[in-house]
Amino acid sequence: MVLEAVKVKNLTEKELDQVLELDSLCFGGLWSLDGYKREIASPNSCLLILTINIKESEKVIGLGCFWSILEEAHLTILAIHPDFQGKSLGKLLLTKLLEKAEKKGLERATLEVGENNKKALNLYKQFGFVEAGRRKKYYKKTDEDALILWKKFI
């Protein structure tokens, strides 16, 4: 797959069915349809998708979101369809999210990530995120702790 074929754009209601499928696949149904609609409508939310054309139809293969909270970008979602992982698409999506946050004048970014999610931790560390704390048993289904990561924009 060629990265040039991937498009990054804002989520609209027309992609919601595909986003719900991706959410279910990657997170077990983290957000509802109404939740995504609220995010699309919120001026404090930035929801980006990655799409690729497959058989002349646009398929959503990635999803990322941050909330603007005061001077921070709180990253809430970063997902790449399992069939497309390992192709630097997480890097592409995270780059675009952080670029948008900086353009909004935000000063830093934060997120929570499962302590055992080594792929995600490696990605975030490549982008300069550092551990700032821990939320005990944050993930209810697994009782896994979440690491709180921070990154300052320069």
Protein backbone atom coordinates (compact mmCIF):
# COMPACT_ATOMS: atom_id res chain seq x y z
CA MET A 1 0.00 0.00 0.00
CA VAL A 2 1.27 3.45 -0.87
CA LEU A 3 0.87 6.16 1.77
CA GLU A 4 0.12 8.72 -0.94
CA ALA A 5 -3.19 6.90 -1.52
CA VAL A 6 -4.28 7.62 2.05
CA LYS A 7 -6.33 10.75 2.71
CA VAL A 8 -6.55 12.56 6.04
CA LYS A 9 -9.70 14.57 6.60
CA ASN A 10 -12.21 15.70 9.18
CA LEU A 11 -14.88 13.20 10.13
CA THR A 12 -18.37 13.96 8.80
CA GLU A 13 -21.67 12.24 9.46
CA LYS A 14 -21.45 10.32 6.18
CA GLU A 15 -18.54 8.23 7.54
CA LEU A 16 -20.14 7.48 10.91
CA ASP A 17 -21.21 3.90 10.10
CA GLN A 18 -17.64 3.00 9.15
CA VAL A 19 -16.24 4.81 12.19
CA LEU A 20 -18.55 2.89 14.50
CA GLU A 21 -17.31 -0.37 12.94
CA LEU A 22 -13.68 0.71 13.44
CA ASP A 23 -14.41 1.79 17.02
CA SER A 24 -16.02 -1.57 17.74
CA LEU A 25 -13.12 -3.47 16.17
CA CYS A 26 -10.38 -1.51 17.94
CA PHE A 27 -12.01 -0.51 21.23
CA GLY A 28 -15.02 -2.80 21.67
CA GLY A 29 -17.48 0.06 21.19
CA LEU A 30 -15.91 2.91 23.16
CA TRP A 31 -18.12 5.70 21.78
CA SER A 32 -21.74 5.58 20.59
CA LEU A 33 -23.25 7.10 17.46
CA ASP A 34 -24.54 10.01 19.56
CA GLY A 35 -21.10 10.41 21.08
CA TYR A 36 -19.50 10.79 17.67
CA LYS A 37 -22.20 13.21 16.56
CA ARG A 38 -21.50 15.35 19.65
CA GLU A 39 -17.79 15.32 18.84
CA ILE A 40 -18.41 16.41 15.24
CA ALA A 41 -20.55 19.31 16.49
CA SER A 42 -18.17 20.39 19.26
CA PRO A 43 -15.88 23.35 18.54
CA ASN A 44 -13.44 21.91 21.10
CA SER A 45 -13.07 18.55 19.37
CA CYS A 46 -10.85 17.64 16.41
CA LEU A 47 -11.82 14.31 14.83
CA LEU A 48 -9.71 13.12 11.90
CA ILE A 49 -10.06 10.01 9.78
CA LEU A 50 -7.75 8.20 7.39
CA THR A 51 -9.38 6.86 4.25
CA ILE A 52 -8.27 4.83 1.28
CA ASN A 53 -10.08 3.99 -1.94
CA ILE A 54 -10.81 0.29 -2.28
CA LYS A 55 -12.75 -0.84 -5.33
CA GLU A 56 -13.85 2.75 -6.01
CA SER A 57 -15.27 3.16 -2.52
CA GLU A 58 -13.77 5.20 0.28
CA LYS A 59 -12.95 3.07 3.33
CA VAL A 60 -12.17 4.51 6.77
CA ILE A 61 -9.00 2.83 8.07
CA GLY A 62 -7.96 5.22 10.83
CA LEU A 63 -9.46 7.49 13.44
CA GLY A 64 -7.98 10.08 15.78
CA CYS A 65 -9.40 12.69 18.11
CA PHE A 66 -8.27 15.35 20.54
CA TRP A 67 -10.15 17.76 22.75
CA SER A 68 -8.95 21.32 23.22
CA ILE A 69 -9.00 21.90 26.98
CA LEU A 70 -7.58 25.29 27.94
CA GLU A 71 -4.06 25.17 26.43
CA GLU A 72 -3.92 21.37 26.09
CA ALA A 73 -4.73 18.85 23.40
CA HIS A 74 -6.14 15.82 25.19
CA LEU A 75 -5.83 12.89 22.76
CA THR A 76 -8.83 10.64 23.28
CA ILE A 77 -8.67 8.19 20.38
CA LEU A 78 -6.02 6.89 18.00
CA ALA A 79 -6.95 3.78 16.02
CA ILE A 80 -5.77 2.08 12.85
CA HIS A 81 -7.72 -0.83 11.37
CA PRO A 82 -5.82 -4.06 12.19
CA ASP A 83 -5.48 -4.91 8.48
CA PHE A 84 -3.53 -1.66 7.96
CA GLN A 85 -1.33 -1.60 11.07
CA GLY A 86 2.44 -1.64 10.72
CA LYS A 87 2.43 0.72 7.74
CA SER A 88 3.27 3.98 9.59
CA LEU A 89 -0.36 5.10 9.46
CA GLY A 90 -0.47 5.70 13.22
CA LYS A 91 2.50 8.04 12.79
CA LEU A 92 0.74 9.85 9.96
CA LEU A 93 -2.46 10.30 11.95
CA LEU A 94 -0.68 11.37 15.14
CA THR A 95 1.41 13.87 13.13
CA LYS A 96 -1.73 15.44 11.68
CA LEU A 97 -3.45 15.62 15.07
CA LEU A 98 -0.44 17.29 16.69
CA GLU A 99 -0.09 19.72 13.77
CA LYS A 100 -3.74 20.74 14.17
CA ALA A 101 -3.26 21.18 17.92
CA GLU A 102 -0.24 23.43 17.40
CA LYS A 103 -2.08 25.49 14.77
CA LYS A 104 -4.85 26.05 17.33
CA GLY A 105 -2.23 27.54 19.63
CA LEU A 106 -2.28 24.70 22.13
CA GLU A 107 0.89 24.38 24.23
CA ARG A 108 1.03 20.67 25.01
CA ALA A 109 -0.63 17.32 24.45
CA THR A 110 -1.64 14.62 26.90
CA LEU A 111 -3.15 11.14 26.70
CA GLU A 112 -3.70 7.91 28.59
CA VAL A 113 -2.42 4.61 27.23
CA GLY A 114 -2.52 1.09 28.60
CA GLU A 115 0.71 0.20 30.38
CA ASN A 116 0.96 -3.01 28.31
CA ASN A 117 0.22 -1.39 24.93
CA LYS A 118 3.84 -1.54 23.76
CA LYS A 119 3.12 -0.55 20.14
CA ALA A 120 1.32 2.62 21.21
CA LEU A 121 3.91 3.44 23.88
CA ASN A 122 6.71 3.14 21.31
CA LEU A 123 4.83 5.41 18.91
CA TYR A 124 4.17 8.08 21.53
CA LYS A 125 7.76 8.01 22.75
CA GLN A 126 8.96 8.57 19.16
CA PHE A 127 6.94 11.79 19.24
CA GLY A 128 8.50 12.97 22.50
CA PHE A 129 5.74 12.01 24.92
CA VAL A 130 6.99 11.28 28.43
CA GLU A 131 5.33 9.51 31.33
CA ALA A 132 3.87 11.91 33.89
CA GLY A 133 1.74 9.61 36.01
CA ARG A 134 -0.45 6.54 36.24
CA ARG A 135 -4.17 5.88 36.63
CA LYS A 136 -4.64 2.64 38.59
CA LYS A 137 -7.00 0.07 37.02
CA TYR A 138 -8.15 2.67 34.46
CA TYR A 139 -9.30 0.08 31.93
CA LYS A 140 -12.27 -1.63 33.58
CA LYS A 141 -12.37 -4.73 31.38
CA THR A 142 -8.77 -5.70 32.13
CA ASP A 143 -7.95 -3.77 35.34
CA GLU A 144 -4.90 -2.51 33.45
CA ASP A 145 -3.30 0.74 34.60
CA ALA A 146 -3.11 3.68 32.21
CA LEU A 147 0.06 5.66 31.86
CA ILE A 148 -0.47 9.41 31.57
CA LEU A 149 1.81 10.83 28.89
CA TRP A 150 2.60 14.49 28.16
CA LYS A 151 4.33 16.36 25.36
CA LYS A 152 5.16 20.04 25.18
CA PHE A 153 5.07 21.78 21.81
CA ILE A 154 8.19 23.77 20.99
